[in-house]
Amino acid sequence: MSVNKTPRRKRLVISDAAVPFVARGGRVFGRQVIDADLDIVDGEEVLVVDRNDRVITTTRAIL
């Protein structure tokens, strides 16, 4: 049995209205976030996903 040693990527879920803007390179603002992993720390790379868990982009967290 193999064990996955890859660290889990933290996720930030954004609203449906924000997806086209962010997909074109726009910034993610707090009001666009509808859910996020609680253990995200400042400067950490996170996955930005839509409500269906499709990856939109990656970004660095600025808290």
N, C-alpha and C. Protein backbone atom coordinates (compact mmCIF):
# COMPACT_ATOMS: atom_id res chain seq x y z
N MET A 1 0.84 -1.18 0.00
CA MET A 1 0.00 0.00 0.00
C MET A 1 0.89 1.24 0.00
N SER A 2 0.69 2.11 -0.99
CA SER A 2 1.50 3.34 -1.06
C SER A 2 0.79 4.47 -0.32
N VAL A 3 1.58 5.30 0.27
CA VAL A 3 1.07 6.43 1.02
C VAL A 3 1.42 7.71 0.26
N ASN A 4 0.43 8.56 0.05
CA ASN A 4 0.65 9.81 -0.66
C ASN A 4 1.40 10.77 0.26
N LYS A 5 2.63 11.14 -0.11
CA LYS A 5 3.46 12.02 0.71
C LYS A 5 3.39 13.46 0.23
N THR A 6 2.58 13.72 -0.80
CA THR A 6 2.43 15.08 -1.30
C THR A 6 1.61 15.90 -0.32
N PRO A 7 2.12 17.09 0.06
CA PRO A 7 1.33 17.90 1.00
C PRO A 7 0.01 18.35 0.37
N ARG A 8 -1.03 18.41 1.19
CA ARG A 8 -2.35 18.83 0.73
C ARG A 8 -2.33 20.31 0.41
N ARG A 9 -2.89 20.69 -0.74
CA ARG A 9 -2.98 22.10 -1.10
C ARG A 9 -4.20 22.71 -0.44
N LYS A 10 -4.05 23.88 0.11
CA LYS A 10 -5.15 24.59 0.75
C LYS A 10 -6.06 25.16 -0.34
N ARG A 11 -7.36 25.30 -0.03
CA ARG A 11 -8.34 25.73 -1.01
C ARG A 11 -9.07 26.99 -0.56
N LEU A 12 -9.40 27.80 -1.56
CA LEU A 12 -10.18 29.01 -1.37
C LEU A 12 -11.31 28.95 -2.39
N VAL A 13 -12.55 28.90 -1.94
CA VAL A 13 -13.71 28.79 -2.84
C VAL A 13 -14.25 30.19 -3.09
N ILE A 14 -14.41 30.55 -4.37
CA ILE A 14 -14.92 31.88 -4.71
C ILE A 14 -16.32 31.78 -5.30
N SER A 15 -17.03 32.91 -5.27
CA SER A 15 -18.41 32.96 -5.77
C SER A 15 -18.45 32.75 -7.28
N ASP A 16 -19.59 32.30 -7.77
CA ASP A 16 -19.77 32.09 -9.20
C ASP A 16 -19.58 33.39 -9.99
N ALA A 17 -20.01 34.50 -9.44
CA ALA A 17 -19.89 35.78 -10.11
C ALA A 17 -18.43 36.21 -10.27
N ALA A 18 -17.55 35.76 -9.39
CA ALA A 18 -16.15 36.15 -9.43
C ALA A 18 -15.31 35.28 -10.36
N VAL A 19 -15.80 34.11 -10.72
CA VAL A 19 -15.00 33.16 -11.51
C VAL A 19 -14.49 33.75 -12.82
N PRO A 20 -15.30 34.37 -13.67
CA PRO A 20 -14.77 34.90 -14.93
C PRO A 20 -13.69 35.98 -14.72
N PHE A 21 -13.92 36.85 -13.74
CA PHE A 21 -12.97 37.91 -13.43
C PHE A 21 -11.62 37.34 -12.98
N VAL A 22 -11.65 36.40 -12.05
CA VAL A 22 -10.43 35.81 -11.51
C VAL A 22 -9.74 34.95 -12.57
N ALA A 23 -10.51 34.25 -13.39
CA ALA A 23 -9.94 33.40 -14.45
C ALA A 23 -9.17 34.23 -15.47
N ARG A 24 -9.56 35.49 -15.66
CA ARG A 24 -8.85 36.37 -16.60
C ARG A 24 -7.66 37.08 -15.94
N GLY A 25 -7.34 36.71 -14.70
CA GLY A 25 -6.18 37.29 -14.04
C GLY A 25 -6.50 38.33 -12.99
N GLY A 26 -7.79 38.51 -12.70
CA GLY A 26 -8.18 39.48 -11.68
C GLY A 26 -7.84 38.99 -10.28
N ARG A 27 -7.81 39.92 -9.36
CA ARG A 27 -7.50 39.59 -7.96
C ARG A 27 -8.71 39.02 -7.25
N VAL A 28 -8.44 38.25 -6.21
CA VAL A 28 -9.50 37.71 -5.36
C VAL A 28 -9.64 38.65 -4.15
N PHE A 29 -10.85 39.15 -3.95
CA PHE A 29 -11.13 40.02 -2.81
C PHE A 29 -11.94 39.26 -1.78
N GLY A 30 -11.88 39.70 -0.55
CA GLY A 30 -12.55 39.02 0.56
C GLY A 30 -14.02 38.78 0.34
N ARG A 31 -14.71 39.74 -0.25
CA ARG A 31 -16.16 39.58 -0.45
C ARG A 31 -16.49 38.51 -1.50
N GLN A 32 -15.51 38.09 -2.29
CA GLN A 32 -15.72 37.05 -3.30
C GLN A 32 -15.54 35.64 -2.73
N VAL A 33 -14.94 35.55 -1.56
CA VAL A 33 -14.65 34.25 -0.95
C VAL A 33 -15.89 33.74 -0.22
N ILE A 34 -16.31 32.52 -0.56
CA ILE A 34 -17.48 31.95 0.11
C ILE A 34 -17.09 30.83 1.07
N ASP A 35 -15.87 30.30 0.93
CA ASP A 35 -15.38 29.28 1.85
C ASP A 35 -13.87 29.21 1.70
N ALA A 36 -13.21 28.81 2.78
CA ALA A 36 -11.75 28.68 2.74
C ALA A 36 -11.31 27.71 3.83
N ASP A 37 -10.18 27.06 3.59
CA ASP A 37 -9.60 26.22 4.63
C ASP A 37 -9.15 27.12 5.77
N LEU A 38 -9.39 26.69 6.99
CA LEU A 38 -9.08 27.51 8.15
C LEU A 38 -7.60 27.61 8.47
N ASP A 39 -6.80 26.68 7.95
CA ASP A 39 -5.38 26.67 8.30
C ASP A 39 -4.49 27.35 7.26
N ILE A 40 -5.06 28.22 6.43
CA ILE A 40 -4.26 29.01 5.48
C ILE A 40 -3.48 30.06 6.26
N VAL A 41 -2.18 30.18 5.95
CA VAL A 41 -1.35 31.18 6.61
C VAL A 41 -0.84 32.19 5.59
N ASP A 42 -0.47 33.36 6.06
CA ASP A 42 0.00 34.43 5.21
C ASP A 42 1.20 33.98 4.36
N GLY A 43 1.14 34.24 3.06
CA GLY A 43 2.23 33.90 2.15
C GLY A 43 2.17 32.51 1.56
N GLU A 44 1.23 31.71 2.01
CA GLU A 44 1.12 30.33 1.53
C GLU A 44 0.41 30.29 0.17
N GLU A 45 0.85 29.40 -0.70
CA GLU A 45 0.19 29.23 -2.00
C GLU A 45 -1.08 28.41 -1.80
N VAL A 46 -2.18 28.90 -2.38
CA VAL A 46 -3.48 28.23 -2.24
C VAL A 46 -4.12 28.04 -3.61
N LEU A 47 -4.99 27.05 -3.71
CA LEU A 47 -5.77 26.83 -4.92
C LEU A 47 -7.04 27.66 -4.84
N VAL A 48 -7.38 28.35 -5.89
CA VAL A 48 -8.64 29.08 -5.98
C VAL A 48 -9.56 28.22 -6.83
N VAL A 49 -10.69 27.81 -6.24
CA VAL A 49 -11.61 26.90 -6.92
C VAL A 49 -13.01 27.50 -6.93
N ASP A 50 -13.85 26.96 -7.84
CA ASP A 50 -15.26 27.38 -7.87
C ASP A 50 -16.07 26.45 -6.97
N ARG A 51 -17.37 26.65 -6.93
CA ARG A 51 -18.25 25.85 -6.06
C ARG A 51 -18.22 24.36 -6.40
N ASN A 52 -17.86 24.02 -7.65
CA ASN A 52 -17.79 22.62 -8.08
C ASN A 52 -16.40 22.03 -7.92
N ASP A 53 -15.54 22.74 -7.20
CA ASP A 53 -14.17 22.30 -6.91
C ASP A 53 -13.27 22.25 -8.15
N ARG A 54 -13.61 23.02 -9.19
CA ARG A 54 -12.74 23.13 -10.36
C ARG A 54 -11.71 24.22 -10.09
N VAL A 55 -10.44 23.92 -10.36
CA VAL A 55 -9.36 24.87 -10.11
C VAL A 55 -9.46 26.02 -11.12
N ILE A 56 -9.46 27.25 -10.61
CA ILE A 56 -9.47 28.45 -11.43
C ILE A 56 -8.06 28.98 -11.59
N THR A 57 -7.33 29.06 -10.49
CA THR A 57 -5.95 29.56 -10.50
C THR A 57 -5.31 29.23 -9.16
N THR A 58 -4.07 29.61 -9.00
CA THR A 58 -3.40 29.55 -7.70
C THR A 58 -3.01 30.97 -7.33
N THR A 59 -2.82 31.20 -6.05
CA THR A 59 -2.42 32.53 -5.59
C THR A 59 -1.70 32.40 -4.25
N ARG A 60 -1.07 33.47 -3.84
CA ARG A 60 -0.46 33.54 -2.51
C ARG A 60 -1.41 34.25 -1.57
N ALA A 61 -1.60 33.68 -0.42
CA ALA A 61 -2.51 34.28 0.57
C ALA A 61 -1.87 35.52 1.18
N ILE A 62 -2.65 36.58 1.22
CA ILE A 62 -2.26 37.82 1.91
C ILE A 62 -3.34 38.09 2.94
N LEU A 63 -2.99 37.95 4.20
CA LEU A 63 -3.98 38.07 5.26
C LEU A 63 -3.86 39.38 6.00
